[in-house]
Amino acid sequence: MSLSAELALPLPRIPHPFLPRGKCALETEADRAARIFGGVAVERPPSGDILAMVDGILGASGEGLGRLGSRELRAVPYLIWEANSRWTDDRAFIHAYLSRVDLKWPSGLRRLWRHHVLNFDAGSAATVEMAAWFGRNRQRLQGMLRAFSESYGLFDAGTADRLGAAAISGRLIADLEAVGLGASVVRSSALCVSALDAAGGLLASAPDQVDVAGRLRELLDGNPVNAIAEAVCSAAARPRALRSIVDGLVAWQKRCDPGDGAFDAVLDFLLDLNGDPRFTPDRWHGRVSGDAVTAVEGWLSRRTIELFFQIIDRLNSDRADMWESRREFWLAYLPFITGAWLVAGPDAAAIAKQQEAGFATFAGGGGQAHDHCGLILRIGPVCVMEMNKNGAAIFWTAGSRKLPDLFARSYDRRAYRDMAGARNVLGHRGSWQRIFSAHIHSMGGPLVRRF
């Protein structure tokens, strides 16, 4: 047969497997198992156009509720729990909506469960009405979802204490994942805010718990940064939860050994959650207790002082015995230190960056070397700068005109050494501890009797 004749023959049919439309068999089976055994129902949120349409049908007072079918009823929860919603605290509307769901939306019970859980807030009228409705219909709820609701008291909405206790113990995130709500889903939810609020109140009486900060971090998907500030919840819930969890964690940590591993974990969690009080004071003062602010600022001071001496050791620029005596002296003032700040030359800055610590740099006027490192302390009304490769410390009164305060980004050491005056530049010679102590006291600072 010629080549032309071969090419003219029809091509053979190549068999191929059937490709189903939509979901594959595995996905279909997974859906079937979820319907039978439980698990949260996940749906795509309605578009903005649909929400606007449903909102228009409802009208100003919800008089259009009776015109909604099952498709439109699915959109209503997104209107109930949107920011500044007029429906969240309207118990009459929520009650009427749930009655309409009973009539027109057979699968609404399971579909609404996810909304109820993620937006759980014991102070919300919507949560109270939803909880009562789920309680009346609990026998129709799939076993897994019913068991979760009963375990955490989501059928009565009277309190979030069970959520708080489980958040502290680490059980909550495991239980949420079991019903299909992982940490990435709950992190910015009202449920998470409620759990943190309740956890804070319980921490004051939970000394036996360990790694609390680690468990709370896990609940927040490993990222506490602005977790409460970004949460989708009522405006009243955020500040309440922030105050509760900060005050509770501080009270819990105060009862722990300052040298244990929990200290750094708790401090890092609080800084991630609410920022650094040294640079964002408005997020702390007046929003959490004064005792909590004082404690966190004290912990930051202690961390800065310890880092300073670690850097001095690593720089190895002075005699070790000389720094042992300075370390002992300044640590004796730790209970009275209300602020500490690191000023680093290039070598010290490299070490501070490794520790992810804040610090200032030397700027202008000279007076610093590549391996210089300074520590500014505020002891009552007295500020002092201690420094390596230097035989003197500089003292001044906090708030003095033309003299620096803490937490600036750079310091001209030579300029403010001159402004402090010769009598406030004291050398580490002879009985310098007694001289330093007397000078601090003469400036209005505390007197440490051991010196």
Protein backbone atom coordinates (compact mmCIF):
# COMPACT_ATOMS: atom_id res chain seq x y z
CA MET A 1 0.00 0.00 0.00
CA SER A 2 1.32 3.39 -0.92
CA LEU A 3 2.08 6.09 1.62
CA SER A 4 -0.82 8.16 0.29
CA ALA A 5 -3.20 5.24 0.83
CA GLU A 6 -1.91 4.70 4.40
CA LEU A 7 -2.50 8.33 5.28
CA ALA A 8 -6.04 8.13 3.89
CA LEU A 9 -7.07 5.40 6.36
CA PRO A 10 -9.24 6.56 9.36
CA LEU A 11 -7.37 7.06 12.66
CA PRO A 12 -8.00 4.34 15.27
CA ARG A 13 -10.02 5.29 18.38
CA ILE A 14 -7.85 5.45 21.49
CA PRO A 15 -9.79 4.47 24.63
CA HIS A 16 -9.61 6.90 27.54
CA PRO A 17 -11.08 6.89 31.04
CA PHE A 18 -14.36 8.65 31.70
CA LEU A 19 -13.81 12.14 33.11
CA PRO A 20 -16.74 13.05 35.35
CA ARG A 21 -18.14 16.55 35.36
CA GLY A 22 -17.85 18.52 38.59
CA LYS A 23 -16.52 16.65 41.62
CA CYS A 24 -14.55 13.44 41.30
CA ALA A 25 -15.65 10.24 43.03
CA LEU A 26 -13.35 10.82 46.01
CA GLU A 27 -14.73 14.31 46.61
CA THR A 28 -18.29 13.02 46.30
CA GLU A 29 -17.59 10.27 48.81
CA ALA A 30 -16.00 12.75 51.20
CA ASP A 31 -19.11 14.93 51.01
CA ARG A 32 -21.31 11.90 51.67
CA ALA A 33 -19.24 10.94 54.72
CA ALA A 34 -19.45 14.49 56.04
CA ARG A 35 -23.25 14.45 55.67
CA ILE A 36 -23.49 11.16 57.56
CA PHE A 37 -20.84 11.56 60.24
CA GLY A 38 -20.71 15.33 60.67
CA GLY A 39 -18.16 18.02 59.96
CA VAL A 40 -18.71 21.68 59.27
CA ALA A 41 -20.42 22.78 56.05
CA VAL A 42 -18.23 25.10 54.00
CA GLU A 43 -19.73 27.35 51.36
CA ARG A 44 -18.61 30.15 49.08
CA PRO A 45 -19.69 33.54 50.47
CA PRO A 46 -22.30 35.32 48.32
CA SER A 47 -21.19 38.15 46.11
CA GLY A 48 -21.66 41.77 47.04
CA ASP A 49 -24.46 42.10 44.49
CA ILE A 50 -26.43 39.26 46.08
CA LEU A 51 -25.93 40.68 49.57
CA ALA A 52 -27.13 44.09 48.37
CA MET A 53 -30.18 42.51 46.73
CA VAL A 54 -31.13 40.53 49.87
CA ASP A 55 -30.56 43.57 52.05
CA GLY A 56 -32.88 45.54 49.78
CA ILE A 57 -35.59 42.86 49.99
CA LEU A 58 -35.37 42.81 53.79
CA GLY A 59 -35.94 46.53 54.02
CA ALA A 60 -35.16 48.84 56.90
CA SER A 61 -36.89 46.77 59.60
CA GLY A 62 -36.77 43.28 58.06
CA GLU A 63 -40.35 43.40 56.81
CA GLY A 64 -39.33 41.61 53.60
CA LEU A 65 -38.11 38.48 55.41
CA GLY A 66 -41.16 36.49 54.34
CA ARG A 67 -40.24 36.96 50.67
CA LEU A 68 -36.90 35.15 51.01
CA GLY A 69 -36.46 31.62 49.69
CA SER A 70 -33.70 29.15 50.59
CA ARG A 71 -31.14 30.77 48.26
CA GLU A 72 -31.68 34.22 49.75
CA LEU A 73 -31.78 32.87 53.30
CA ARG A 74 -28.19 31.64 52.85
CA ALA A 75 -27.03 35.24 52.42
CA VAL A 76 -28.66 36.60 55.58
CA PRO A 77 -25.98 35.34 58.05
CA TYR A 78 -23.39 37.41 56.19
CA LEU A 79 -25.58 40.47 56.75
CA ILE A 80 -26.18 39.62 60.41
CA TRP A 81 -22.49 39.44 61.23
CA GLU A 82 -21.02 42.07 58.94
CA ALA A 83 -19.34 45.08 60.52
CA ASN A 84 -21.80 47.54 62.11
CA SER A 85 -24.78 45.35 61.16
CA ARG A 86 -28.20 46.56 62.28
CA TRP A 87 -29.30 42.96 62.79
CA THR A 88 -26.64 41.57 65.18
CA ASP A 89 -28.44 42.75 68.31
CA ASP A 90 -32.00 42.60 66.95
CA ARG A 91 -33.36 39.53 68.75
CA ALA A 92 -36.81 39.82 67.15
CA PHE A 93 -35.34 39.75 63.67
CA ILE A 94 -33.00 36.83 64.45
CA HIS A 95 -35.91 34.87 65.92
CA ALA A 96 -38.08 35.56 62.86
CA TYR A 97 -35.21 34.64 60.53
CA LEU A 98 -34.70 31.27 62.21
CA SER A 99 -38.43 30.55 61.99
CA ARG A 100 -38.22 31.25 58.27
CA VAL A 101 -35.21 28.91 58.01
CA ASP A 102 -37.29 26.14 59.62
CA LEU A 103 -39.92 26.66 56.95
CA LYS A 104 -37.93 27.23 53.77
CA TRP A 105 -34.37 25.94 54.18
CA PRO A 106 -34.17 22.25 55.21
CA SER A 107 -30.36 22.14 55.29
CA GLY A 108 -30.12 25.46 57.14
CA LEU A 109 -29.39 23.84 60.50
CA ARG A 110 -26.05 22.42 59.39
CA ARG A 111 -25.25 25.38 57.14
CA LEU A 112 -25.80 27.89 59.93
CA TRP A 113 -23.74 25.97 62.48
CA ARG A 114 -20.46 27.28 61.05
CA HIS A 115 -21.73 30.86 61.26
CA HIS A 116 -22.87 30.35 64.85
CA VAL A 117 -19.53 28.91 65.97
CA LEU A 118 -17.23 31.39 64.22
CA ASN A 119 -19.30 34.36 65.44
CA PHE A 120 -19.83 33.06 68.98
CA ASP A 121 -20.06 35.97 71.41
CA ALA A 122 -22.00 35.45 74.63
CA GLY A 123 -22.82 39.17 74.67
CA SER A 124 -24.44 39.13 71.23
CA ALA A 125 -28.23 38.83 70.75
CA ALA A 126 -27.62 36.89 67.54
CA THR A 127 -25.51 34.33 69.42
CA VAL A 128 -28.10 33.98 72.20
CA GLU A 129 -30.95 33.40 69.74
CA MET A 130 -28.89 31.03 67.58
CA ALA A 131 -27.79 29.02 70.61
CA ALA A 132 -31.35 28.55 71.78
CA TRP A 133 -32.45 27.54 68.26
CA PHE A 134 -29.66 24.99 67.94
CA GLY A 135 -30.50 23.69 71.41
CA ARG A 136 -34.12 23.07 70.40
CA ASN A 137 -32.96 21.29 67.25
CA ARG A 138 -29.93 19.48 68.63
CA GLN A 139 -31.28 16.01 67.74
CA ARG A 140 -31.28 16.98 64.04
CA LEU A 141 -27.66 18.12 64.16
CA GLN A 142 -25.00 15.68 62.97
CA GLY A 143 -23.29 13.82 65.80
CA MET A 144 -19.88 15.48 65.51
CA LEU A 145 -21.30 18.98 65.49
CA ARG A 146 -23.72 18.21 68.32
CA ALA A 147 -20.94 16.73 70.45
CA PHE A 148 -18.75 19.81 69.91
CA SER A 149 -21.62 22.16 70.77
CA GLU A 150 -22.51 20.27 73.93
CA SER A 151 -18.89 20.04 75.00
CA TYR A 152 -18.37 23.81 74.75
CA GLY A 153 -21.80 25.01 75.89
CA LEU A 154 -22.71 26.48 72.50
CA PHE A 155 -26.38 25.59 73.04
CA ASP A 156 -26.86 28.05 75.90
CA ALA A 157 -24.39 30.90 75.12
CA GLY A 158 -24.27 31.84 78.78
CA THR A 159 -20.48 31.83 79.00
CA ALA A 160 -17.32 31.15 77.02
CA ASP A 161 -15.44 29.69 80.01
CA ARG A 162 -15.22 26.23 78.44
CA LEU A 163 -13.68 27.74 75.33
CA GLY A 164 -11.17 29.63 77.49
CA ALA A 165 -10.20 26.58 79.51
CA ALA A 166 -9.70 24.52 76.34
CA ALA A 167 -7.62 27.31 74.77
CA ILE A 168 -5.30 27.26 77.81
CA SER A 169 -4.99 23.47 77.82
CA GLY A 170 -4.45 23.25 74.05
CA ARG A 171 -7.52 21.07 73.46
CA LEU A 172 -9.59 23.70 71.65
CA ILE A 173 -7.59 23.83 68.44
CA ALA A 174 -7.58 20.03 68.13
CA ASP A 175 -11.36 19.91 68.61
CA LEU A 176 -11.89 22.70 66.08
CA GLU A 177 -9.77 20.92 63.50
CA ALA A 178 -11.76 17.71 64.08
CA VAL A 179 -14.94 19.47 62.88
CA GLY A 180 -13.20 21.18 59.97
CA LEU A 181 -12.33 24.56 61.50
CA GLY A 182 -8.56 24.95 61.57
CA ALA A 183 -6.51 27.73 63.14
CA SER A 184 -6.32 29.66 59.87
CA VAL A 185 -10.14 29.87 59.86
CA VAL A 186 -10.74 30.78 63.50
CA ARG A 187 -7.78 33.16 63.99
CA SER A 188 -9.71 36.35 63.22
CA SER A 189 -13.13 35.14 64.40
CA ALA A 190 -15.37 36.23 67.26
CA LEU A 191 -15.03 32.68 68.63
CA CYS A 192 -11.28 33.20 69.04
CA VAL A 193 -11.81 36.58 70.70
CA SER A 194 -14.33 35.01 73.10
CA ALA A 195 -11.89 32.20 73.91
CA LEU A 196 -9.06 34.68 74.62
CA ASP A 197 -11.37 36.81 76.77
CA ALA A 198 -12.39 33.79 78.84
CA ALA A 199 -8.85 32.42 78.98
CA GLY A 200 -7.56 35.66 80.48
CA GLY A 201 -10.07 35.47 83.31
CA LEU A 202 -9.15 31.86 84.03
CA LEU A 203 -5.37 32.29 83.95
CA ALA A 204 -5.33 34.05 87.30
CA SER A 205 -6.41 30.76 88.91
CA ALA A 206 -4.57 28.32 86.62
CA PRO A 207 -1.02 28.06 88.03
CA ASP A 208 -0.69 24.41 87.02
CA GLN A 209 -0.88 25.08 83.27
CA VAL A 210 2.34 25.04 81.22
CA ASP A 211 3.31 26.61 77.90
CA VAL A 212 0.20 28.78 77.90
CA ALA A 213 1.67 31.28 75.44
CA GLY A 214 2.59 28.47 73.04
CA ARG A 215 -0.95 27.09 73.08
CA LEU A 216 -2.52 30.50 72.54
CA ARG A 217 -0.09 31.13 69.69
CA GLU A 218 -1.17 27.84 68.11
CA LEU A 219 -4.82 28.88 68.39
CA LEU A 220 -3.93 32.06 66.49
CA ASP A 221 -2.38 30.05 63.66
CA GLY A 222 1.13 30.84 64.92
CA ASN A 223 0.63 34.54 64.25
CA PRO A 224 -0.66 36.64 67.19
CA VAL A 225 0.27 39.93 65.47
CA ASN A 226 -2.83 42.16 65.67
CA ALA A 227 -5.02 39.05 65.97
CA ILE A 228 -7.55 40.79 68.24
CA ALA A 229 -7.36 44.11 66.41
CA GLU A 230 -8.17 42.38 63.10
CA ALA A 231 -10.91 40.10 64.46
CA VAL A 232 -14.40 40.12 62.93
CA CYS A 233 -16.47 40.71 66.05
CA SER A 234 -18.36 43.40 67.92
CA ALA A 235 -16.56 46.64 68.75
CA ALA A 236 -17.03 45.95 72.47
CA ALA A 237 -15.53 42.45 72.32
CA ARG A 238 -12.06 43.49 71.12
CA PRO A 239 -10.99 45.80 73.97
CA ARG A 240 -12.56 43.49 76.54
CA ALA A 241 -10.63 40.47 75.23
CA LEU A 242 -7.38 42.42 74.94
CA ARG A 243 -7.51 43.60 78.55
CA SER A 244 -8.50 40.16 79.81
CA ILE A 245 -5.80 38.13 78.04
CA VAL A 246 -2.99 40.64 78.70
CA ASP A 247 -3.84 41.04 82.38
CA GLY A 248 -4.38 37.29 82.74
CA LEU A 249 -1.10 36.30 81.11
CA VAL A 250 0.85 38.84 83.16
CA ALA A 251 -0.75 37.60 86.38
CA TRP A 252 0.00 33.99 85.40
CA GLN A 253 3.62 34.76 84.51
CA LYS A 254 4.22 36.60 87.78
CA ARG A 255 3.60 33.35 89.62
CA CYS A 256 6.09 31.44 87.45
CA ASP A 257 9.83 31.18 87.92
CA PRO A 258 11.34 34.22 86.08
CA GLY A 259 14.15 32.00 84.87
CA ASP A 260 11.99 29.36 83.22
CA GLY A 261 11.33 29.10 79.51
CA ALA A 262 7.80 30.49 79.81
CA PHE A 263 9.01 34.05 80.48
CA ASP A 264 10.35 34.75 77.00
CA ALA A 265 7.40 32.97 75.37
CA VAL A 266 4.85 35.07 77.27
CA LEU A 267 6.66 38.35 76.62
CA ASP A 268 7.06 37.60 72.90
CA PHE A 269 3.39 36.63 72.63
CA LEU A 270 2.26 39.88 74.28
CA LEU A 271 4.53 42.00 72.07
CA ASP A 272 3.25 40.26 68.95
CA LEU A 273 -0.36 40.56 70.03
CA ASN A 274 -0.34 44.22 71.06
CA GLY A 275 2.93 45.81 70.01
CA ASP A 276 5.78 47.14 72.13
CA PRO A 277 4.62 49.53 74.89
CA ARG A 278 7.84 51.52 74.51
CA PHE A 279 6.88 52.54 70.97
CA THR A 280 3.08 52.10 70.88
CA PRO A 281 2.09 53.29 74.37
CA ASP A 282 -1.46 54.18 73.27
CA ARG A 283 -2.15 50.47 72.72
CA TRP A 284 -1.26 49.74 76.35
CA HIS A 285 -1.92 52.67 78.68
CA GLY A 286 -5.61 52.89 79.48
CA ARG A 287 -6.38 49.69 77.56
CA VAL A 288 -4.90 47.16 79.97
CA SER A 289 -4.26 47.45 83.70
CA GLY A 290 -1.49 49.69 84.97
CA ASP A 291 0.06 46.71 86.75
CA ALA A 292 0.29 44.82 83.43
CA VAL A 293 1.96 47.79 81.69
CA THR A 294 4.46 48.16 84.53
CA ALA A 295 5.23 44.44 84.49
CA VAL A 296 5.77 44.24 80.73
CA GLU A 297 7.94 47.35 80.70
CA GLY A 298 9.96 45.84 83.56
CA TRP A 299 10.38 42.57 81.67
CA LEU A 300 11.58 44.48 78.62
CA SER A 301 14.07 46.38 80.77
CA ARG A 302 15.41 43.17 82.26
CA ARG A 303 15.74 41.61 78.79
CA THR A 304 17.62 44.69 77.54
CA ILE A 305 20.00 44.70 80.52
CA GLU A 306 20.72 40.99 80.14
CA LEU A 307 21.36 41.45 76.42
CA PHE A 308 23.74 44.33 77.12
CA PHE A 309 25.92 42.17 79.36
CA GLN A 310 25.78 39.28 76.86
CA ILE A 311 27.02 41.62 74.13
CA ILE A 312 29.79 42.93 76.37
CA ASP A 313 30.91 39.35 77.00
CA ARG A 314 30.91 38.54 73.28
CA LEU A 315 32.74 41.71 72.29
CA ASN A 316 35.43 40.87 74.83
CA SER A 317 36.66 44.45 74.73
CA ASP A 318 37.28 44.94 78.47
CA ARG A 319 38.51 42.88 81.41
CA ALA A 320 35.92 40.31 82.50
CA ASP A 321 36.44 41.01 86.23
CA MET A 322 35.68 44.72 85.70
CA TRP A 323 32.36 43.90 84.06
CA GLU A 324 31.38 41.38 86.71
CA SER A 325 31.39 44.15 89.31
CA ARG A 326 29.39 46.48 87.02
CA ARG A 327 26.89 43.73 86.28
CA GLU A 328 26.39 43.07 89.99
CA PHE A 329 25.90 46.77 90.70
CA TRP A 330 23.30 47.53 88.05
CA LEU A 331 21.34 44.31 88.59
CA ALA A 332 20.91 45.35 92.22
CA TYR A 333 18.87 48.30 90.89
CA LEU A 334 16.64 46.07 88.74
CA PRO A 335 13.53 46.43 90.98
CA PHE A 336 13.77 50.23 90.57
CA ILE A 337 14.58 50.39 86.84
CA THR A 338 11.62 51.67 84.82
CA GLY A 339 13.29 51.65 81.41
CA ALA A 340 16.39 50.38 79.65
CA TRP A 341 17.65 50.96 76.13
CA LEU A 342 20.61 49.66 74.17
CA VAL A 343 22.89 51.91 72.11
CA ALA A 344 25.05 49.88 69.77
CA GLY A 345 28.07 50.37 67.58
CA PRO A 346 28.28 48.23 64.41
CA ASP A 347 29.65 45.11 66.13
CA ALA A 348 27.11 45.27 68.97
CA ALA A 349 24.30 46.01 66.50
CA ALA A 350 25.06 42.81 64.60
CA ILE A 351 24.63 40.78 67.82
CA ALA A 352 21.42 42.65 68.76
CA LYS A 353 19.95 41.91 65.33
CA GLN A 354 20.65 38.21 65.82
CA GLN A 355 18.56 38.41 69.00
CA GLU A 356 15.82 40.41 67.20
CA ALA A 357 16.20 43.08 69.86
CA GLY A 358 15.49 46.78 69.56
CA PHE A 359 18.40 49.21 69.88
CA ALA A 360 19.65 52.67 68.99
CA THR A 361 22.85 53.64 67.20
CA PHE A 362 25.53 56.22 67.89
CA ALA A 363 25.31 59.26 65.67
CA GLY A 364 27.25 62.45 65.07
CA GLY A 365 29.91 64.12 67.14
CA GLY A 366 32.22 61.13 67.40
CA GLY A 367 33.02 59.55 70.73
CA GLN A 368 32.23 56.00 69.71
CA ALA A 369 34.19 53.05 68.31
CA HIS A 370 33.24 50.11 66.13
CA ASP A 371 32.92 47.81 69.16
CA HIS A 372 31.25 50.28 71.52
CA CYS A 373 28.04 49.33 73.31
CA GLY A 374 26.08 51.47 75.74
CA LEU A 375 23.16 50.95 78.10
CA ILE A 376 20.84 53.77 79.15
CA LEU A 377 18.86 53.11 82.34
CA ARG A 378 16.05 55.10 83.92
CA ILE A 379 16.07 54.62 87.69
CA GLY A 380 13.20 56.70 89.05
CA PRO A 381 13.96 60.29 87.98
CA VAL A 382 17.60 59.48 87.16
CA CYS A 383 19.01 58.47 83.78
CA VAL A 384 22.44 56.90 83.47
CA MET A 385 24.51 55.68 80.57
CA GLU A 386 26.96 52.84 81.17
CA MET A 387 29.37 51.90 78.41
CA ASN A 388 32.18 49.54 77.56
CA LYS A 389 35.70 50.75 76.72
CA ASN A 390 34.98 53.70 78.95
CA GLY A 391 36.01 54.44 82.51
CA ALA A 392 32.99 56.59 83.39
CA ALA A 393 29.20 56.60 83.51
CA ILE A 394 27.07 59.65 82.66
CA PHE A 395 24.16 60.74 84.88
CA TRP A 396 21.32 63.20 84.23
CA THR A 397 17.78 63.92 85.37
CA ALA A 398 15.06 62.45 83.14
CA GLY A 399 13.29 65.13 81.14
CA SER A 400 16.16 67.63 81.36
CA ARG A 401 16.25 70.09 78.49
CA LYS A 402 18.68 69.11 75.69
CA LEU A 403 19.42 65.77 77.36
CA PRO A 404 18.10 62.55 75.84
CA ASP A 405 15.29 60.32 76.98
CA LEU A 406 14.98 56.60 76.34
CA PHE A 407 13.99 54.87 73.11
CA ALA A 408 15.37 57.37 70.61
CA ARG A 409 16.81 55.90 67.42
CA SER A 410 20.25 57.47 67.73
CA TYR A 411 22.39 59.20 70.37
CA ASP A 412 25.25 61.68 70.13
CA ARG A 413 27.24 60.51 73.14
CA ARG A 414 29.81 63.30 73.13
CA ALA A 415 27.15 66.05 72.98
CA TYR A 416 25.12 64.95 75.96
CA ARG A 417 28.24 64.00 77.94
CA ASP A 418 29.20 67.66 77.69
CA MET A 419 25.65 68.83 78.51
CA ALA A 420 25.42 66.63 81.63
CA GLY A 421 28.30 68.55 83.23
CA ALA A 422 31.54 67.30 84.75
CA ARG A 423 30.03 66.53 88.16
CA ASN A 424 27.64 64.04 86.54
CA VAL A 425 30.38 62.07 84.77
CA LEU A 426 31.69 59.60 87.35
CA GLY A 427 34.59 57.19 86.92
CA HIS A 428 34.74 53.53 87.98
CA ARG A 429 37.64 54.04 90.38
CA GLY A 430 38.12 53.18 94.02
CA SER A 431 34.83 52.65 95.90
CA TRP A 432 32.87 53.66 92.81
CA GLN A 433 29.79 51.60 93.82
CA ARG A 434 29.33 53.68 96.97
CA ILE A 435 29.92 56.92 95.03
CA PHE A 436 27.47 55.95 92.26
CA SER A 437 24.83 54.89 94.80
CA ALA A 438 25.11 58.14 96.76
CA HIS A 439 24.96 60.18 93.53
CA ILE A 440 21.81 58.41 92.32
CA HIS A 441 20.19 59.02 95.71
CA SER A 442 21.21 62.69 95.71
CA MET A 443 19.44 63.10 92.34
CA GLY A 444 16.20 61.72 93.76
CA GLY A 445 16.71 58.06 92.93
CA PRO A 446 16.38 55.06 95.26
CA LEU A 447 18.98 54.13 97.84
CA VAL A 448 20.20 50.53 97.62
CA ARG A 449 21.38 49.79 101.15
CA ARG A 450 23.98 47.18 100.18
CA PHE A 451 26.09 49.95 98.65
